[in-house]
C-alpha atoms as a PDB file:
ATOM      1  CA  MET A   1       5.588 -10.387  25.152  1.00  0.00           C
ATOM      2  CA  SER A   2       2.204 -11.679  26.188  1.00  0.00           C
ATOM      3  CA  GLU A   3      -0.564 -11.814  23.589  1.00  0.00           C
ATOM      4  CA  HIS A   4      -2.977  -8.840  23.757  1.00  0.00           C
ATOM      5  CA  PRO A   5      -6.131  -8.329  21.743  1.00  0.00           C
ATOM      6  CA  PHE A   6      -4.878  -5.022  20.405  1.00  0.00           C
ATOM      7  CA  THR A   7      -1.977  -6.754  18.657  1.00  0.00           C
ATOM      8  CA  GLN A   8      -4.452  -8.373  16.311  1.00  0.00           C
ATOM      9  CA  ILE A   9      -5.974  -5.149  15.041  1.00  0.00           C
ATOM     10  CA  GLY A  10      -4.927  -4.366  11.539  1.00  0.00           C
ATOM     11  CA  SER A  11      -1.170  -4.061  12.101  1.00  0.00           C
ATOM     12  CA  ALA A  12       1.927  -6.189  12.208  1.00  0.00           C
ATOM     13  CA  GLU A  13       4.868  -5.675  14.528  1.00  0.00           C
ATOM     14  CA  PRO A  14       6.543  -2.283  14.163  1.00  0.00           C
ATOM     15  CA  ASN A  15       9.159  -2.093  11.371  1.00  0.00           C
ATOM     16  CA  ILE A  16      12.287  -1.048  13.422  1.00  0.00           C
ATOM     17  CA  PRO A  17      15.514  -1.429  11.452  1.00  0.00           C
ATOM     18  CA  ASP A  18      18.147  -3.590  13.262  1.00  0.00           C
ATOM     19  CA  ASP A  19      20.865  -1.794  11.272  1.00  0.00           C
ATOM     20  CA  PRO A  20      20.532   2.023  10.944  1.00  0.00           C
ATOM     21  CA  PHE A  21      22.608   1.906   7.754  1.00  0.00           C
ATOM     22  CA  VAL A  22      19.769  -0.021   5.990  1.00  0.00           C
ATOM     23  CA  ASP A  23      17.723   3.265   6.163  1.00  0.00           C
ATOM     24  CA  PRO A  24      19.955   6.370   6.613  1.00  0.00           C
ATOM     25  CA  SER A  25      16.768   8.529   7.144  1.00  0.00           C
ATOM     26  CA  TYR A  26      15.827   6.470  10.233  1.00  0.00           C
ATOM     27  CA  GLU A  27      16.479   8.611  13.235  1.00  0.00           C
ATOM     28  CA  PRO A  28      14.447   7.603  16.329  1.00  0.00           C
ATOM     29  CA  ALA A  29      13.379  10.455  18.597  1.00  0.00           C
ATOM     30  CA  ASP A  30      13.769  10.619  22.373  1.00  0.00           C
ATOM     31  CA  PHE A  31      10.632  12.734  22.640  1.00  0.00           C
ATOM     32  CA  VAL A  32       7.638  12.058  20.512  1.00  0.00           C
ATOM     33  CA  VAL A  33       4.274  13.872  20.473  1.00  0.00           C
ATOM     34  CA  VAL A  34       1.405  12.012  18.821  1.00  0.00           C
ATOM     35  CA  ALA A  35      -1.865  13.820  18.209  1.00  0.00           C
ATOM     36  CA  ASN A  36      -4.740  13.535  15.788  1.00  0.00           C
ATOM     37  CA  ARG A  37      -3.365  16.459  13.731  1.00  0.00           C
ATOM     38  CA  LEU A  38       0.024  17.694  12.789  1.00  0.00           C
ATOM     39  CA  PRO A  39       1.001  21.146  14.022  1.00  0.00           C
ATOM     40  CA  LEU A  40       0.353  22.639  10.601  1.00  0.00           C
ATOM     41  CA  ARG A  41      -2.356  22.801   8.005  1.00  0.00           C
ATOM     42  CA  HIS A  42      -2.486  23.077   4.309  1.00  0.00           C
ATOM     43  CA  ALA A  43      -3.221  26.643   3.044  1.00  0.00           C
ATOM     44  CA  GLY A  44      -6.014  25.301   0.790  1.00  0.00           C
ATOM     45  CA  THR A  45      -6.331  28.465  -1.205  1.00  0.00           C
ATOM     46  CA  PRO A  46      -6.127  28.862  -4.977  1.00  0.00           C
ATOM     47  CA  GLY A  47      -2.559  29.454  -6.071  1.00  0.00           C
ATOM     48  CA  ASP A  48      -1.156  28.774  -2.593  1.00  0.00           C
ATOM     49  CA  ASP A  49       0.346  25.292  -2.047  1.00  0.00           C
ATOM     50  CA  GLY A  50       1.989  26.159   1.239  1.00  0.00           C
ATOM     51  CA  TRP A  51       1.488  25.077   4.772  1.00  0.00           C
ATOM     52  CA  LEU A  52       0.598  27.220   7.784  1.00  0.00           C
ATOM     53  CA  PRO A  53       0.902  26.656  11.512  1.00  0.00           C
ATOM     54  CA  SER A  54      -2.241  25.232  13.095  1.00  0.00           C
ATOM     55  CA  PRO A  55      -3.975  27.340  15.735  1.00  0.00           C
ATOM     56  CA  GLY A  56      -4.426  25.992  19.268  1.00  0.00           C
ATOM     57  CA  GLY A  57      -2.750  25.776  22.587  1.00  0.00           C
ATOM     58  CA  LEU A  58      -1.107  22.402  22.096  1.00  0.00           C
ATOM     59  CA  VAL A  59       1.115  23.719  19.277  1.00  0.00           C
ATOM     60  CA  SER A  60       1.979  26.856  21.265  1.00  0.00           C
ATOM     61  CA  ALA A  61       2.809  24.835  24.417  1.00  0.00           C
ATOM     62  CA  LEU A  62       4.998  22.090  22.862  1.00  0.00           C
ATOM     63  CA  THR A  63       6.793  23.856  19.983  1.00  0.00           C
ATOM     64  CA  SER A  64       9.782  25.069  22.072  1.00  0.00           C
ATOM     65  CA  VAL A  65      10.106  21.693  23.835  1.00  0.00           C
ATOM     66  CA  LEU A  66      10.101  19.780  20.509  1.00  0.00           C
ATOM     67  CA  GLN A  67      12.646  22.285  19.048  1.00  0.00           C
ATOM     68  CA  SER A  68      15.020  22.034  21.969  1.00  0.00           C
ATOM     69  CA  ARG A  69      14.889  18.261  22.104  1.00  0.00           C
ATOM     70  CA  LYS A  70      14.879  17.610  18.411  1.00  0.00           C
ATOM     71  CA  GLY A  71      11.592  15.908  18.983  1.00  0.00           C
ATOM     72  CA  LEU A  72       9.140  14.307  16.527  1.00  0.00           C
ATOM     73  CA  TRP A  73       5.418  15.125  16.056  1.00  0.00           C
ATOM     74  CA  ILE A  74       3.300  12.310  14.585  1.00  0.00           C
ATOM     75  CA  GLY A  75      -0.133  13.119  13.209  1.00  0.00           C
ATOM     76  CA  TRP A  76      -2.548  13.475  10.317  1.00  0.00           C
ATOM     77  CA  PRO A  77      -1.951  16.454   8.003  1.00  0.00           C
ATOM     78  CA  GLY A  78      -5.719  17.248   7.824  1.00  0.00           C
ATOM     79  CA  THR A  79      -6.264  16.159   4.240  1.00  0.00           C
ATOM     80  CA  SER A  80      -6.883  12.881   2.462  1.00  0.00           C
ATOM     81  CA  GLU A  81      -5.626  14.339  -0.754  1.00  0.00           C
ATOM     82  CA  ASP A  82      -2.128  14.143  -2.232  1.00  0.00           C
ATOM     83  CA  GLN A  83      -0.595  17.202  -0.541  1.00  0.00           C
ATOM     84  CA  GLU A  84       2.489  15.862   1.242  1.00  0.00           C
ATOM     85  CA  PRO A  85       3.497  17.991   4.299  1.00  0.00           C
ATOM     86  CA  PRO A  86       7.179  18.864   4.829  1.00  0.00           C
ATOM     87  CA  SER A  87       9.315  16.550   6.944  1.00  0.00           C
ATOM     88  CA  THR A  88      10.243  19.416   9.217  1.00  0.00           C
ATOM     89  CA  TYR A  89       8.503  22.647  10.108  1.00  0.00           C
ATOM     90  CA  GLU A  90       9.863  25.464  12.260  1.00  0.00           C
ATOM     91  CA  GLY A  91      12.533  23.091  13.633  1.00  0.00           C
ATOM     92  CA  ILE A  92      10.107  20.274  14.477  1.00  0.00           C
ATOM     93  CA  ARG A  93      10.461  16.882  12.715  1.00  0.00           C
ATOM     94  CA  LEU A  94       7.103  15.636  11.394  1.00  0.00           C
ATOM     95  CA  LYS A  95       5.819  12.177  10.610  1.00  0.00           C
ATOM     96  CA  THR A  96       2.534  11.710   8.714  1.00  0.00           C
ATOM     97  CA  VAL A  97      -0.119   9.105   9.431  1.00  0.00           C
ATOM     98  CA  ALA A  98      -2.484   8.701   6.564  1.00  0.00           C
ATOM     99  CA  ILE A  99      -6.257   8.700   7.147  1.00  0.00           C
ATOM    100  CA  SER A 100      -8.689   8.160   4.229  1.00  0.00           C
ATOM    101  CA  ALA A 101     -11.863  10.140   3.730  1.00  0.00           C
ATOM    102  CA  GLU A 102     -13.976   7.143   4.835  1.00  0.00           C
ATOM    103  CA  GLU A 103     -11.805   6.675   7.903  1.00  0.00           C
ATOM    104  CA  TYR A 104     -12.092  10.356   8.766  1.00  0.00           C
ATOM    105  CA  GLU A 105     -15.926  10.025   8.686  1.00  0.00           C
ATOM    106  CA  GLU A 106     -15.983   6.979  10.932  1.00  0.00           C
ATOM    107  CA  PHE A 107     -12.901   7.476  13.205  1.00  0.00           C
ATOM    108  CA  TYR A 108     -13.072  11.324  13.695  1.00  0.00           C
ATOM    109  CA  LEU A 109     -16.575  12.569  12.927  1.00  0.00           C
ATOM    110  CA  GLY A 110     -18.174   9.274  14.023  1.00  0.00           C
ATOM    111  CA  PHE A 111     -16.630   7.567  17.045  1.00  0.00           C
ATOM    112  CA  SER A 112     -14.528  10.450  18.292  1.00  0.00           C
ATOM    113  CA  ASN A 113     -16.985  13.291  18.002  1.00  0.00           C
ATOM    114  CA  ALA A 114     -20.376  11.545  17.958  1.00  0.00           C
ATOM    115  CA  THR A 115     -19.674   8.780  20.520  1.00  0.00           C
ATOM    116  CA  ILE A 116     -16.903   9.764  22.911  1.00  0.00           C
ATOM    117  CA  TRP A 117     -17.431  13.533  23.073  1.00  0.00           C
ATOM    118  CA  PRO A 118     -21.050  13.343  24.239  1.00  0.00           C
ATOM    119  CA  LEU A 119     -20.146  10.697  26.764  1.00  0.00           C
ATOM    120  CA  TYR A 120     -17.463  12.881  28.196  1.00  0.00           C
ATOM    121  CA  HIS A 121     -19.764  15.868  28.420  1.00  0.00           C
ATOM    122  CA  ASP A 122     -22.643  14.133  30.234  1.00  0.00           C
ATOM    123  CA  ALA A 123     -24.503  13.631  27.004  1.00  0.00           C
ATOM    124  CA  ILE A 124     -25.113  17.244  26.114  1.00  0.00           C
ATOM    125  CA  ARG A 125     -26.324  15.586  23.073  1.00  0.00           C
ATOM    126  CA  SER A 126     -27.080  11.855  22.885  1.00  0.00           C
ATOM    127  CA  PRO A 127     -24.104   9.772  21.789  1.00  0.00           C
ATOM    128  CA  SER A 128     -24.452   7.591  18.691  1.00  0.00           C
ATOM    129  CA  PHE A 129     -23.051   3.997  18.491  1.00  0.00           C
ATOM    130  CA  HIS A 130     -22.085   2.162  15.312  1.00  0.00           C
ATOM    131  CA  ARG A 131     -19.974  -0.952  15.296  1.00  0.00           C
ATOM    132  CA  THR A 132     -18.129   0.160  12.041  1.00  0.00           C
ATOM    133  CA  TRP A 133     -17.112   3.455  13.789  1.00  0.00           C
ATOM    134  CA  TRP A 134     -15.639   1.493  16.675  1.00  0.00           C
ATOM    135  CA  HIS A 135     -13.684  -0.884  14.382  1.00  0.00           C
ATOM    136  CA  THR A 136     -12.252   2.016  12.408  1.00  0.00           C
ATOM    137  CA  TYR A 137     -11.379   3.852  15.626  1.00  0.00           C
ATOM    138  CA  ARG A 138      -9.355   0.853  16.802  1.00  0.00           C
ATOM    139  CA  GLU A 139      -7.685   0.396  13.409  1.00  0.00           C
ATOM    140  CA  VAL A 140      -6.609   4.019  13.108  1.00  0.00           C
ATOM    141  CA  ASN A 141      -5.402   4.034  16.743  1.00  0.00           C
ATOM    142  CA  MET A 142      -3.229   0.985  15.993  1.00  0.00           C
ATOM    143  CA  ARG A 143      -1.845   2.763  12.931  1.00  0.00           C
ATOM    144  CA  PHE A 144      -0.761   5.692  15.121  1.00  0.00           C
ATOM    145  CA  ALA A 145       0.617   3.347  17.811  1.00  0.00           C
ATOM    146  CA  THR A 146       2.654   1.400  15.176  1.00  0.00           C
ATOM    147  CA  THR A 147       4.022   4.540  13.734  1.00  0.00           C
ATOM    148  CA  VAL A 148       5.176   5.768  17.171  1.00  0.00           C
ATOM    149  CA  ALA A 149       6.718   2.384  17.960  1.00  0.00           C
ATOM    150  CA  GLU A 150       8.751   2.607  14.758  1.00  0.00           C
ATOM    151  CA  ASN A 151      10.071   6.129  15.491  1.00  0.00           C
ATOM    152  CA  VAL A 152      10.632   6.465  19.286  1.00  0.00           C
ATOM    153  CA  ALA A 153      14.073   5.821  20.599  1.00  0.00           C
ATOM    154  CA  PRO A 154      14.773   3.108  23.212  1.00  0.00           C
ATOM    155  CA  GLY A 155      13.572   4.405  26.606  1.00  0.00           C
ATOM    156  CA  GLY A 156      12.114   7.445  24.922  1.00  0.00           C
ATOM    157  CA  THR A 157       9.117   9.574  26.047  1.00  0.00           C
ATOM    158  CA  VAL A 158       5.773   9.666  24.232  1.00  0.00           C
ATOM    159  CA  TRP A 159       3.117  12.304  24.724  1.00  0.00           C
ATOM    160  CA  VAL A 160      -0.267  10.963  23.492  1.00  0.00           C
ATOM    161  CA  HIS A 161      -2.815  13.721  23.106  1.00  0.00           C
ATOM    162  CA  ASP A 162      -6.612  13.639  23.478  1.00  0.00           C
ATOM    163  CA  TYR A 163      -9.470  11.219  23.165  1.00  0.00           C
ATOM    164  CA  GLN A 164      -9.147  10.619  19.454  1.00  0.00           C
ATOM    165  CA  LEU A 165      -6.109   8.439  20.303  1.00  0.00           C
ATOM    166  CA  GLN A 166      -7.142   7.015  23.603  1.00  0.00           C
ATOM    167  CA  LEU A 167      -6.387   3.493  22.652  1.00  0.00           C
ATOM    168  CA  VAL A 168      -2.771   4.370  21.598  1.00  0.00           C
ATOM    169  CA  PRO A 169      -1.110   4.170  25.116  1.00  0.00           C
ATOM    170  CA  GLN A 170      -2.179   0.550  25.747  1.00  0.00           C
ATOM    171  CA  MET A 171      -1.391  -0.485  22.142  1.00  0.00           C
ATOM    172  CA  LEU A 172       1.992   1.187  22.349  1.00  0.00           C
ATOM    173  CA  ARG A 173       2.742  -0.445  25.638  1.00  0.00           C
ATOM    174  CA  GLU A 174       2.269  -3.826  24.032  1.00  0.00           C
ATOM    175  CA  LEU A 175       4.537  -2.872  21.073  1.00  0.00           C
ATOM    176  CA  ARG A 176       7.195  -0.987  23.054  1.00  0.00           C
ATOM    177  CA  PRO A 177       7.295  -1.803  26.797  1.00  0.00           C
ATOM    178  CA  ASP A 178      10.523   0.179  27.101  1.00  0.00           C
ATOM    179  CA  VAL A 179       9.113   3.655  26.484  1.00  0.00           C
ATOM    180  CA  HIS A 180       7.628   6.128  28.879  1.00  0.00           C
ATOM    181  CA  ILE A 181       4.004   7.089  27.963  1.00  0.00           C
ATOM    182  CA  GLY A 182       1.904  10.033  28.994  1.00  0.00           C
ATOM    183  CA  PHE A 183      -1.692  10.758  28.040  1.00  0.00           C
ATOM    184  CA  PHE A 184      -3.522  14.010  28.221  1.00  0.00           C
ATOM    185  CA  CYS A 185      -7.200  14.460  27.506  1.00  0.00           C
ATOM    186  CA  THR A 186      -8.619  17.944  26.959  1.00  0.00           C
ATOM    187  CA  SER A 187     -12.106  16.803  27.937  1.00  0.00           C
ATOM    188  CA  ARG A 188     -13.112  16.361  31.522  1.00  0.00           C
ATOM    189  CA  SER A 189     -12.962  12.980  33.174  1.00  0.00           C
ATOM    190  CA  PRO A 190     -15.983  10.782  32.466  1.00  0.00           C
ATOM    191  CA  ARG A 191     -18.019   9.579  35.435  1.00  0.00           C
ATOM    192  CA  ALA A 192     -17.138   6.190  36.891  1.00  0.00           C
ATOM    193  CA  ASN A 193     -20.293   4.705  35.426  1.00  0.00           C
ATOM    194  CA  CYS A 194     -19.742   6.149  31.975  1.00  0.00           C
ATOM    195  CA  SER A 195     -19.563   3.301  29.500  1.00  0.00           C
ATOM    196  CA  CYS A 196     -20.575   2.288  26.000  1.00  0.00           C
ATOM    197  CA  ASN A 197     -20.994  -0.887  24.043  1.00  0.00           C
ATOM    198  CA  CYS A 198     -17.351  -0.952  22.874  1.00  0.00           C
ATOM    199  CA  ARG A 199     -15.759  -3.668  25.152  1.00  0.00           C
ATOM    200  CA  GLY A 200     -15.162  -1.833  28.369  1.00  0.00           C
ATOM    201  CA  ASP A 201     -15.338   1.253  30.516  1.00  0.00           C
ATOM    202  CA  VAL A 202     -14.025   4.307  28.593  1.00  0.00           C
ATOM    203  CA  ARG A 203     -12.080   5.380  31.617  1.00  0.00           C
ATOM    204  CA  SER A 204      -9.866   2.267  31.495  1.00  0.00           C
ATOM    205  CA  TRP A 205      -8.696   2.789  27.876  1.00  0.00           C
ATOM    206  CA  PRO A 206      -5.469   4.740  28.602  1.00  0.00           C
ATOM    207  CA  ASP A 207      -4.507   2.599  31.514  1.00  0.00           C
ATOM    208  CA  SER A 208      -1.027   1.800  30.219  1.00  0.00           C
ATOM    209  CA  SER A 209       0.128   5.406  30.304  1.00  0.00           C
ATOM    210  CA  ALA A 210       1.605   7.584  33.011  1.00  0.00           C
ATOM    211  CA  PRO A 211       1.168  10.328  33.863  1.00  0.00           C
ATOM    212  CA  ILE A 212      -2.416  10.737  32.817  1.00  0.00           C
ATOM    213  CA  SER A 213      -4.346  14.017  33.098  1.00  0.00           C
ATOM    214  CA  TRP A 214      -7.912  15.054  32.462  1.00  0.00           C
ATOM    215  CA  ASP A 215      -8.908  18.661  31.936  1.00  0.00           C
ATOM    216  CA  SER A 216     -11.674  19.498  34.437  1.00  0.00           C
ATOM    217  CA  SER A 217     -11.641  23.277  34.065  1.00  0.00           C
ATOM    218  CA  CYS A 218     -15.024  23.298  32.429  1.00  0.00           C
ATOM    219  CA  THR A 219     -16.922  20.905  34.506  1.00  0.00           C
ATOM    220  CA  PRO A 220     -19.631  22.039  36.977  1.00  0.00           C
ATOM    221  CA  ARG A 221     -19.097  19.051  39.248  1.00  0.00           C
ATOM    222  CA  PRO A 222     -16.196  18.649  41.665  1.00  0.00           C
ATOM    223  CA  PRO A 223     -12.783  18.525  39.835  1.00  0.00           C
ATOM    224  CA  THR A 224     -11.793  15.048  38.641  1.00  0.00           C
ATOM    225  CA  SER A 225      -8.359  15.583  37.240  1.00  0.00           C
ATOM    226  CA  HIS A 226      -5.822  12.873  37.914  1.00  0.00           C
ATOM    227  CA  ALA A 227      -2.082  12.554  37.559  1.00  0.00           C
ATOM    228  CA  TRP A 228       0.133   9.550  38.149  1.00  0.00           C
ATOM    229  CA  PRO A 229       4.015   9.597  38.299  1.00  0.00           C
ATOM    230  CA  VAL A 230       5.907   8.751  35.120  1.00  0.00           C
ATOM    231  CA  ASP A 231       6.518   4.985  34.714  1.00  0.00           C
END
């Protein structure tokens, strides 16, 4: 495997057991969805320590597919506290990626929402740039990519969802060149000259995934959605 700059970002090689009897709970999945959030949320009400399904189209669209294929959903549970989500929910296997409160501020509220989102929407508001946000964004994306690499079966399929994890496809390709990777972004495609001071054109970040799709349903300019065949 050729050296890639992403392999130096806060993570070692994925920890994949050579012998499944070493860890009986290790069960790689043929189909993996990786998103910023798990498909459930903590109730967060006094006296209620349960978990509820998260609202949104992604959960509705992929639940039946994950259930039928015994798939795995990898994501953050939405809290930096000690509430541990269940390992399965409504027939879907779940794997948690931890994000600290400080990382949430820099990775999610910072680089994802205050840098990328304005760029992808033609600067409806001016994007903000902070080097620490970018570093944290890369580190969290590598954490997600490593978790996927450790849990996807040989030759499996991985669905990477949205711009919060836009570095994951290329990082995962370096870690697991055998898997099929798809990337979907709910934001419209950025313009060709859309860039920021974070080492490269933002449109090139998911270039190791296929198919790739951008949602252009809300854009006033000509549609810019793209799709490439599965690799």
